[in-house]
PDB file of N, CA and C in Angstrom:
ATOM      1  N   UNK A   1     -92.557  49.752 -17.952  1.00  0.00           N
ATOM      2  CA  UNK A   1     -91.476  49.682 -18.653  1.00  0.00           C
ATOM      3  C   UNK A   1     -90.495  50.905 -19.091  1.00  0.00           C
ATOM      4  N   UNK A   2     -89.498  50.859 -19.238  1.00  0.00           N
ATOM      5  CA  UNK A   2     -88.463  52.031 -19.372  1.00  0.00           C
ATOM      6  C   UNK A   2     -88.313  51.934 -20.903  1.00  0.00           C
ATOM      7  N   UNK A   3     -87.915  53.142 -21.161  1.00  0.00           N
ATOM      8  CA  UNK A   3     -87.613  53.669 -22.699  1.00  0.00           C
ATOM      9  C   UNK A   3     -86.124  53.844 -22.766  1.00  0.00           C
ATOM     10  N   UNK A   4     -85.617  52.904 -23.707  1.00  0.00           N
ATOM     11  CA  UNK A   4     -84.069  53.229 -23.792  1.00  0.00           C
ATOM     12  C   UNK A   4     -83.798  54.004 -24.917  1.00  0.00           C
ATOM     13  N   UNK A   5     -82.779  54.724 -25.264  1.00  0.00           N
ATOM     14  CA  UNK A   5     -82.534  55.527 -26.590  1.00  0.00           C
ATOM     15  C   UNK A   5     -81.260  54.917 -27.015  1.00  0.00           C
ATOM     16  N   UNK A   6     -81.053  54.483 -28.145  1.00  0.00           N
ATOM     17  CA  UNK A   6     -80.092  53.811 -28.750  1.00  0.00           C
ATOM     18  C   UNK A   6     -79.374  54.496 -29.663  1.00  0.00           C
ATOM     19  N   UNK A   7     -78.408  55.212 -29.291  1.00  0.00           N
ATOM     20  CA  UNK A   7     -77.736  56.098 -30.505  1.00  0.00           C
ATOM     21  C   UNK A   7     -76.598  55.517 -30.985  1.00  0.00           C
ATOM     22  N   UNK A   8     -76.640  55.408 -32.150  1.00  0.00           N
ATOM     23  CA  UNK A   8     -75.591  54.705 -33.392  1.00  0.00           C
ATOM     24  C   UNK A   8     -75.281  55.417 -34.449  1.00  0.00           C
ATOM     25  N   UNK A   9     -74.344  54.973 -35.025  1.00  0.00           N
ATOM     26  CA  UNK A   9     -73.801  55.734 -36.286  1.00  0.00           C
ATOM     27  C   UNK A   9     -73.970  54.841 -37.434  1.00  0.00           C
ATOM     28  N   UNK A  10     -74.977  55.327 -38.494  1.00  0.00           N
ATOM     29  CA  UNK A  10     -75.396  54.429 -39.388  1.00  0.00           C
ATOM     30  C   UNK A  10     -74.212  54.285 -40.442  1.00  0.00           C
ATOM     31  N   UNK A  11     -74.726  53.584 -41.640  1.00  0.00           N
ATOM     32  CA  UNK A  11     -73.758  53.148 -42.618  1.00  0.00           C
ATOM     33  C   UNK A  11     -73.041  54.301 -43.419  1.00  0.00           C
ATOM     34  N   UNK A  12     -73.918  55.395 -43.206  1.00  0.00           N
ATOM     35  CA  UNK A  12     -73.659  56.538 -44.022  1.00  0.00           C
ATOM     36  C   UNK A  12     -72.524  57.418 -42.970  1.00  0.00           C
ATOM     37  N   UNK A  13     -72.427  57.132 -41.680  1.00  0.00           N
ATOM     38  CA  UNK A  13     -71.689  57.903 -40.856  1.00  0.00           C
ATOM     39  C   UNK A  13     -72.546  58.853 -40.048  1.00  0.00           C
ATOM     40  N   UNK A  14     -73.754  59.005 -40.224  1.00  0.00           N
ATOM     41  CA  UNK A  14     -75.036  59.739 -39.520  1.00  0.00           C
ATOM     42  C   UNK A  14     -75.273  59.273 -38.290  1.00  0.00           C
ATOM     43  N   UNK A  15     -75.256  60.045 -37.339  1.00  0.00           N
ATOM     44  CA  UNK A  15     -75.693  59.420 -35.844  1.00  0.00           C
ATOM     45  C   UNK A  15     -77.277  59.637 -35.883  1.00  0.00           C
ATOM     46  N   UNK A  16     -77.645  58.454 -35.443  1.00  0.00           N
ATOM     47  CA  UNK A  16     -79.283  58.216 -35.596  1.00  0.00           C
ATOM     48  C   UNK A  16     -79.702  57.793 -33.931  1.00  0.00           C
ATOM     49  N   UNK A  17     -80.946  57.979 -33.762  1.00  0.00           N
ATOM     50  CA  UNK A  17     -81.326  57.258 -32.582  1.00  0.00           C
ATOM     51  C   UNK A  17     -82.522  56.477 -32.714  1.00  0.00           C
ATOM     52  N   UNK A  18     -82.988  55.380 -31.977  1.00  0.00           N
ATOM     53  CA  UNK A  18     -83.866  54.327 -31.974  1.00  0.00           C
ATOM     54  C   UNK A  18     -84.605  54.300 -30.538  1.00  0.00           C
ATOM     55  N   UNK A  19     -85.490  54.236 -30.119  1.00  0.00           N
ATOM     56  CA  UNK A  19     -85.976  54.173 -28.918  1.00  0.00           C
ATOM     57  C   UNK A  19     -86.451  52.436 -28.854  1.00  0.00           C
ATOM     58  N   UNK A  20     -86.389  51.942 -27.516  1.00  0.00           N
ATOM     59  CA  UNK A  20     -86.741  50.447 -27.278  1.00  0.00           C
ATOM     60  C   UNK A  20     -87.346  50.436 -25.788  1.00  0.00           C
ATOM     61  N   UNK A  21     -88.395  49.810 -25.766  1.00  0.00           N
ATOM     62  CA  UNK A  21     -88.993  49.679 -24.521  1.00  0.00           C
ATOM     63  C   UNK A  21     -88.506  48.133 -24.099  1.00  0.00           C
ATOM     64  N   UNK A  22     -87.958  48.386 -22.790  1.00  0.00           N
ATOM     65  CA  UNK A  22     -87.335  47.160 -22.070  1.00  0.00           C
ATOM     66  C   UNK A  22     -87.375  47.525 -20.491  1.00  0.00           C
ATOM     67  N   UNK A  23     -87.552  46.339 -19.569  1.00  0.00           N
ATOM     68  CA  UNK A  23     -87.489  46.557 -18.126  1.00  0.00           C
ATOM     69  C   UNK A  23     -85.975  47.086 -17.861  1.00  0.00           C
ATOM     70  N   UNK A  24     -85.190  46.271 -18.234  1.00  0.00           N
ATOM     71  CA  UNK A  24     -83.609  46.584 -18.121  1.00  0.00           C
ATOM     72  C   UNK A  24     -83.026  47.186 -19.081  1.00  0.00           C
ATOM     73  N   UNK A  25     -81.646  48.002 -18.793  1.00  0.00           N
ATOM     74  CA  UNK A  25     -80.921  48.515 -19.699  1.00  0.00           C
ATOM     75  C   UNK A  25     -80.465  47.478 -20.688  1.00  0.00           C
ATOM     76  N   UNK A  26     -80.522  47.443 -22.016  1.00  0.00           N
ATOM     77  CA  UNK A  26     -80.299  46.679 -23.082  1.00  0.00           C
ATOM     78  C   UNK A  26     -78.670  46.840 -22.914  1.00  0.00           C
ATOM     79  N   UNK A  27     -78.009  45.475 -23.471  1.00  0.00           N
ATOM     80  CA  UNK A  27     -76.419  45.279 -23.766  1.00  0.00           C
ATOM     81  C   UNK A  27     -76.366  45.937 -25.152  1.00  0.00           C
ATOM     82  N   UNK A  28     -75.099  46.003 -25.278  1.00  0.00           N
ATOM     83  CA  UNK A  28     -75.087  46.738 -26.750  1.00  0.00           C
ATOM     84  C   UNK A  28     -75.546  45.208 -27.694  1.00  0.00           C
ATOM     85  N   UNK A  29     -75.373  43.976 -27.431  1.00  0.00           N
ATOM     86  CA  UNK A  29     -75.804  43.163 -28.160  1.00  0.00           C
ATOM     87  C   UNK A  29     -77.129  42.970 -28.582  1.00  0.00           C
ATOM     88  N   UNK A  30     -78.054  43.233 -27.251  1.00  0.00           N
ATOM     89  CA  UNK A  30     -79.439  43.000 -27.291  1.00  0.00           C
ATOM     90  C   UNK A  30     -80.002  44.455 -28.128  1.00  0.00           C
ATOM     91  N   UNK A  31     -79.162  45.629 -28.155  1.00  0.00           N
ATOM     92  CA  UNK A  31     -79.550  46.558 -28.903  1.00  0.00           C
ATOM     93  C   UNK A  31     -79.439  46.341 -30.353  1.00  0.00           C
ATOM     94  N   UNK A  32     -78.058  45.740 -30.609  1.00  0.00           N
ATOM     95  CA  UNK A  32     -77.770  45.388 -31.935  1.00  0.00           C
ATOM     96  C   UNK A  32     -78.836  44.320 -32.531  1.00  0.00           C
ATOM     97  N   UNK A  33     -79.202  43.479 -31.705  1.00  0.00           N
ATOM     98  CA  UNK A  33     -80.033  42.442 -32.111  1.00  0.00           C
ATOM     99  C   UNK A  33     -81.765  42.907 -32.512  1.00  0.00           C
ATOM    100  N   UNK A  34     -81.977  44.186 -31.823  1.00  0.00           N
ATOM    101  CA  UNK A  34     -83.288  44.928 -31.809  1.00  0.00           C
ATOM    102  C   UNK A  34     -83.018  45.791 -33.212  1.00  0.00           C
ATOM    103  N   UNK A  35     -81.774  46.456 -33.392  1.00  0.00           N
ATOM    104  CA  UNK A  35     -81.627  47.473 -34.721  1.00  0.00           C
ATOM    105  C   UNK A  35     -81.478  46.798 -35.850  1.00  0.00           C
ATOM    106  N   UNK A  36     -80.925  45.445 -36.281  1.00  0.00           N
ATOM    107  CA  UNK A  36     -80.730  44.757 -37.137  1.00  0.00           C
ATOM    108  C   UNK A  36     -81.620  44.542 -38.287  1.00  0.00           C
ATOM    109  N   UNK A  37     -82.922  44.133 -37.405  1.00  0.00           N
ATOM    110  CA  UNK A  37     -84.003  43.672 -38.440  1.00  0.00           C
ATOM    111  C   UNK A  37     -84.943  45.019 -38.811  1.00  0.00           C
ATOM    112  N   UNK A  38     -84.582  45.967 -38.300  1.00  0.00           N
ATOM    113  CA  UNK A  38     -84.893  47.195 -38.607  1.00  0.00           C
ATOM    114  C   UNK A  38     -84.346  48.116 -39.915  1.00  0.00           C
ATOM    115  N   UNK A  39     -82.860  48.086 -39.497  1.00  0.00           N
ATOM    116  CA  UNK A  39     -81.942  48.592 -40.435  1.00  0.00           C
ATOM    117  C   UNK A  39     -81.505  47.694 -41.723  1.00  0.00           C
ATOM    118  N   UNK A  40     -81.762  46.247 -41.587  1.00  0.00           N
ATOM    119  CA  UNK A  40     -81.208  45.453 -42.613  1.00  0.00           C
ATOM    120  C   UNK A  40     -82.174  44.224 -42.422  1.00  0.00           C
ATOM    121  N   UNK A  41     -83.439  44.258 -43.168  1.00  0.00           N
ATOM    122  CA  UNK A  41     -84.155  43.147 -42.796  1.00  0.00           C
ATOM    123  C   UNK A  41     -83.675  41.682 -43.616  1.00  0.00           C
ATOM    124  N   UNK A  42     -83.434  42.119 -44.733  1.00  0.00           N
ATOM    125  CA  UNK A  42     -82.561  40.741 -45.186  1.00  0.00           C
ATOM    126  C   UNK A  42     -81.827  40.165 -44.456  1.00  0.00           C
ATOM    127  N   UNK A  43     -80.702  40.897 -44.071  1.00  0.00           N
ATOM    128  CA  UNK A  43     -79.586  40.566 -43.312  1.00  0.00           C
ATOM    129  C   UNK A  43     -79.813  39.916 -41.979  1.00  0.00           C
ATOM    130  N   UNK A  44     -80.922  39.944 -41.638  1.00  0.00           N
ATOM    131  CA  UNK A  44     -81.649  39.568 -40.149  1.00  0.00           C
ATOM    132  C   UNK A  44     -81.951  38.070 -40.512  1.00  0.00           C
ATOM    133  N   UNK A  45     -82.013  37.767 -41.537  1.00  0.00           N
ATOM    134  CA  UNK A  45     -82.205  36.135 -41.819  1.00  0.00           C
ATOM    135  C   UNK A  45     -81.171  35.317 -42.104  1.00  0.00           C
ATOM    136  N   UNK A  46     -80.076  36.048 -42.290  1.00  0.00           N
ATOM    137  CA  UNK A  46     -78.596  35.075 -42.194  1.00  0.00           C
ATOM    138  C   UNK A  46     -78.466  34.592 -40.607  1.00  0.00           C
ATOM    139  N   UNK A  47     -77.570  33.466 -41.311  1.00  0.00           N
ATOM    140  CA  UNK A  47     -77.151  32.760 -39.864  1.00  0.00           C
ATOM    141  C   UNK A  47     -75.765  33.255 -39.366  1.00  0.00           C
ATOM    142  N   UNK A  48     -75.764  33.219 -38.053  1.00  0.00           N
ATOM    143  CA  UNK A  48     -74.464  33.729 -37.396  1.00  0.00           C
ATOM    144  C   UNK A  48     -73.567  32.760 -37.001  1.00  0.00           C
ATOM    145  N   UNK A  49     -73.987  31.563 -37.235  1.00  0.00           N
ATOM    146  CA  UNK A  49     -73.309  30.354 -36.482  1.00  0.00           C
ATOM    147  C   UNK A  49     -71.821  30.517 -36.794  1.00  0.00           C
ATOM    148  N   UNK A  50     -71.351  31.206 -37.921  1.00  0.00           N
ATOM    149  CA  UNK A  50     -69.650  31.271 -37.561  1.00  0.00           C
ATOM    150  C   UNK A  50     -69.224  32.151 -36.644  1.00  0.00           C
ATOM    151  N   UNK A  51     -70.028  32.883 -36.038  1.00  0.00           N
ATOM    152  CA  UNK A  51     -69.523  33.554 -35.016  1.00  0.00           C
ATOM    153  C   UNK A  51     -69.927  33.204 -33.456  1.00  0.00           C
ATOM    154  N   UNK A  52     -70.772  32.204 -33.581  1.00  0.00           N
ATOM    155  CA  UNK A  52     -71.515  31.745 -32.317  1.00  0.00           C
ATOM    156  C   UNK A  52     -70.332  30.820 -31.376  1.00  0.00           C
ATOM    157  N   UNK A  53     -70.309  31.618 -30.269  1.00  0.00           N
ATOM    158  CA  UNK A  53     -69.496  30.647 -29.392  1.00  0.00           C
ATOM    159  C   UNK A  53     -67.932  31.617 -29.275  1.00  0.00           C
ATOM    160  N   UNK A  54     -67.730  32.189 -30.563  1.00  0.00           N
ATOM    161  CA  UNK A  54     -66.393  33.241 -30.611  1.00  0.00           C
ATOM    162  C   UNK A  54     -66.535  34.311 -30.316  1.00  0.00           C
ATOM    163  N   UNK A  55     -67.581  34.861 -30.153  1.00  0.00           N
ATOM    164  CA  UNK A  55     -67.748  36.185 -29.549  1.00  0.00           C
ATOM    165  C   UNK A  55     -69.160  36.447 -28.742  1.00  0.00           C
ATOM    166  N   UNK A  56     -68.605  37.305 -27.800  1.00  0.00           N
ATOM    167  CA  UNK A  56     -69.733  37.493 -26.881  1.00  0.00           C
ATOM    168  C   UNK A  56     -70.796  38.564 -27.316  1.00  0.00           C
ATOM    169  N   UNK A  57     -70.753  39.088 -28.657  1.00  0.00           N
ATOM    170  CA  UNK A  57     -71.828  40.227 -29.194  1.00  0.00           C
ATOM    171  C   UNK A  57     -71.616  40.032 -30.443  1.00  0.00           C
ATOM    172  N   UNK A  58     -71.971  38.737 -31.202  1.00  0.00           N
ATOM    173  CA  UNK A  58     -71.933  38.389 -32.695  1.00  0.00           C
ATOM    174  C   UNK A  58     -72.657  39.568 -33.701  1.00  0.00           C
ATOM    175  N   UNK A  59     -73.954  39.752 -32.969  1.00  0.00           N
ATOM    176  CA  UNK A  59     -74.815  40.830 -33.780  1.00  0.00           C
ATOM    177  C   UNK A  59     -74.128  42.131 -33.992  1.00  0.00           C
ATOM    178  N   UNK A  60     -73.642  42.515 -32.636  1.00  0.00           N
ATOM    179  CA  UNK A  60     -72.867  43.968 -32.739  1.00  0.00           C
ATOM    180  C   UNK A  60     -71.928  43.867 -33.596  1.00  0.00           C
ATOM    181  N   UNK A  61     -71.209  42.827 -33.573  1.00  0.00           N
ATOM    182  CA  UNK A  61     -69.843  42.761 -34.482  1.00  0.00           C
ATOM    183  C   UNK A  61     -70.110  42.705 -35.917  1.00  0.00           C
ATOM    184  N   UNK A  62     -71.005  41.790 -36.261  1.00  0.00           N
ATOM    185  CA  UNK A  62     -71.402  42.040 -37.591  1.00  0.00           C
ATOM    186  C   UNK A  62     -71.910  43.046 -38.169  1.00  0.00           C
ATOM    187  N   UNK A  63     -72.664  43.856 -37.323  1.00  0.00           N
ATOM    188  CA  UNK A  63     -73.168  45.264 -37.826  1.00  0.00           C
ATOM    189  C   UNK A  63     -72.099  46.091 -38.065  1.00  0.00           C
ATOM    190  N   UNK A  64     -71.225  46.089 -37.187  1.00  0.00           N
ATOM    191  CA  UNK A  64     -70.076  47.023 -37.005  1.00  0.00           C
ATOM    192  C   UNK A  64     -69.077  46.742 -38.406  1.00  0.00           C
ATOM    193  N   UNK A  65     -68.719  45.408 -38.293  1.00  0.00           N
ATOM    194  CA  UNK A  65     -67.873  45.211 -39.378  1.00  0.00           C
ATOM    195  C   UNK A  65     -68.293  44.928 -40.806  1.00  0.00           C
ATOM    196  N   UNK A  66     -69.654  44.376 -41.064  1.00  0.00           N
ATOM    197  CA  UNK A  66     -70.009  44.363 -42.400  1.00  0.00           C
ATOM    198  C   UNK A  66     -71.041  45.251 -42.845  1.00  0.00           C
ATOM    199  N   UNK A  67     -71.740  45.850 -41.804  1.00  0.00           N
ATOM    200  CA  UNK A  67     -72.405  46.756 -42.130  1.00  0.00           C
ATOM    201  C   UNK A  67     -72.228  48.643 -41.759  1.00  0.00           C
ATOM    202  N   UNK A  68     -71.022  48.575 -41.350  1.00  0.00           N
ATOM    203  CA  UNK A  68     -70.455  49.993 -40.791  1.00  0.00           C
ATOM    204  C   UNK A  68     -71.659  50.524 -39.734  1.00  0.00           C
ATOM    205  N   UNK A  69     -72.218  49.804 -38.868  1.00  0.00           N
ATOM    206  CA  UNK A  69     -73.034  50.451 -38.099  1.00  0.00           C
ATOM    207  C   UNK A  69     -72.475  50.372 -36.813  1.00  0.00           C
ATOM    208  N   UNK A  70     -72.395  51.308 -35.807  1.00  0.00           N
ATOM    209  CA  UNK A  70     -71.845  51.203 -34.434  1.00  0.00           C
ATOM    210  C   UNK A  70     -72.447  51.765 -33.662  1.00  0.00           C
ATOM    211  N   UNK A  71     -73.049  50.887 -32.465  1.00  0.00           N
ATOM    212  CA  UNK A  71     -73.758  51.649 -31.302  1.00  0.00           C
ATOM    213  C   UNK A  71     -72.859  52.611 -30.598  1.00  0.00           C
ATOM    214  N   UNK A  72     -73.139  53.819 -30.230  1.00  0.00           N
ATOM    215  CA  UNK A  72     -72.593  54.833 -29.674  1.00  0.00           C
ATOM    216  C   UNK A  72     -73.080  54.672 -28.079  1.00  0.00           C
ATOM    217  N   UNK A  73     -73.844  54.813 -27.988  1.00  0.00           N
ATOM    218  CA  UNK A  73     -74.531  54.769 -26.309  1.00  0.00           C
ATOM    219  C   UNK A  73     -76.043  54.213 -26.316  1.00  0.00           C
ATOM    220  N   UNK A  74     -76.314  53.951 -25.208  1.00  0.00           N
ATOM    221  CA  UNK A  74     -77.468  53.339 -24.641  1.00  0.00           C
ATOM    222  C   UNK A  74     -78.200  54.034 -23.141  1.00  0.00           C
ATOM    223  N   UNK A  75     -79.004  54.882 -23.371  1.00  0.00           N
ATOM    224  CA  UNK A  75     -79.125  55.757 -22.265  1.00  0.00           C
ATOM    225  C   UNK A  75     -80.813  55.657 -22.071  1.00  0.00           C
ATOM    226  N   UNK A  76     -81.128  55.590 -20.730  1.00  0.00           N
ATOM    227  CA  UNK A  76     -82.480  55.853 -20.473  1.00  0.00           C
ATOM    228  C   UNK A  76     -83.365  56.958 -21.090  1.00  0.00           C
ATOM    229  N   UNK A  77     -84.102  57.039 -21.877  1.00  0.00           N
ATOM    230  CA  UNK A  77     -85.057  58.197 -22.140  1.00  0.00           C
ATOM    231  C   UNK A  77     -85.601  58.863 -21.081  1.00  0.00           C
ATOM    232  N   UNK A  78     -85.426  60.278 -21.145  1.00  0.00           N
ATOM    233  CA  UNK A  78     -86.395  61.033 -20.175  1.00  0.00           C
ATOM    234  C   UNK A  78     -87.727  61.252 -20.865  1.00  0.00           C
ATOM    235  N   UNK A  79     -88.321  61.020 -19.872  1.00  0.00           N
ATOM    236  CA  UNK A  79     -89.721  60.915 -19.910  1.00  0.00           C
ATOM    237  C   UNK A  79     -90.336  62.454 -20.185  1.00  0.00           C
ATOM    238  N   UNK A  80     -90.813  62.883 -21.126  1.00  0.00           N
ATOM    239  CA  UNK A  80     -91.645  64.064 -21.273  1.00  0.00           C
ATOM    240  C   UNK A  80     -92.914  64.363 -21.511  1.00  0.00           C
ATOM    241  N   UNK A  81     -93.601  64.950 -20.944  1.00  0.00           N
ATOM    242  CA  UNK A  81     -94.948  65.086 -20.777  1.00  0.00           C
ATOM    243  C   UNK A  81     -95.561  66.407 -21.053  1.00  0.00           C
ATOM    244  N   UNK A  82     -96.224  66.665 -21.833  1.00  0.00           N
ATOM    245  CA  UNK A  82     -96.687  68.097 -22.433  1.00  0.00           C
ATOM    246  C   UNK A  82     -98.062  68.361 -21.935  1.00  0.00           C
TER     247      UNK A  82
END
């Protein structure tokens, strides 16, 4: 399993990172779906049906437009062994 580092700008404009273990490089939507319950656990319970079928990345769009969270990059984390 590979480790991917998701860099994002949080609601306060501060750049943050979060690691995600996944076999393949996650899309922006997959990264957003992973981040949303961590950053906004209550919002995660909301229904996205209003964007279903109208957006390729409804979770990423909601995070950006309503929560001011923008995914900057998704890169494979380098494995560091000490």
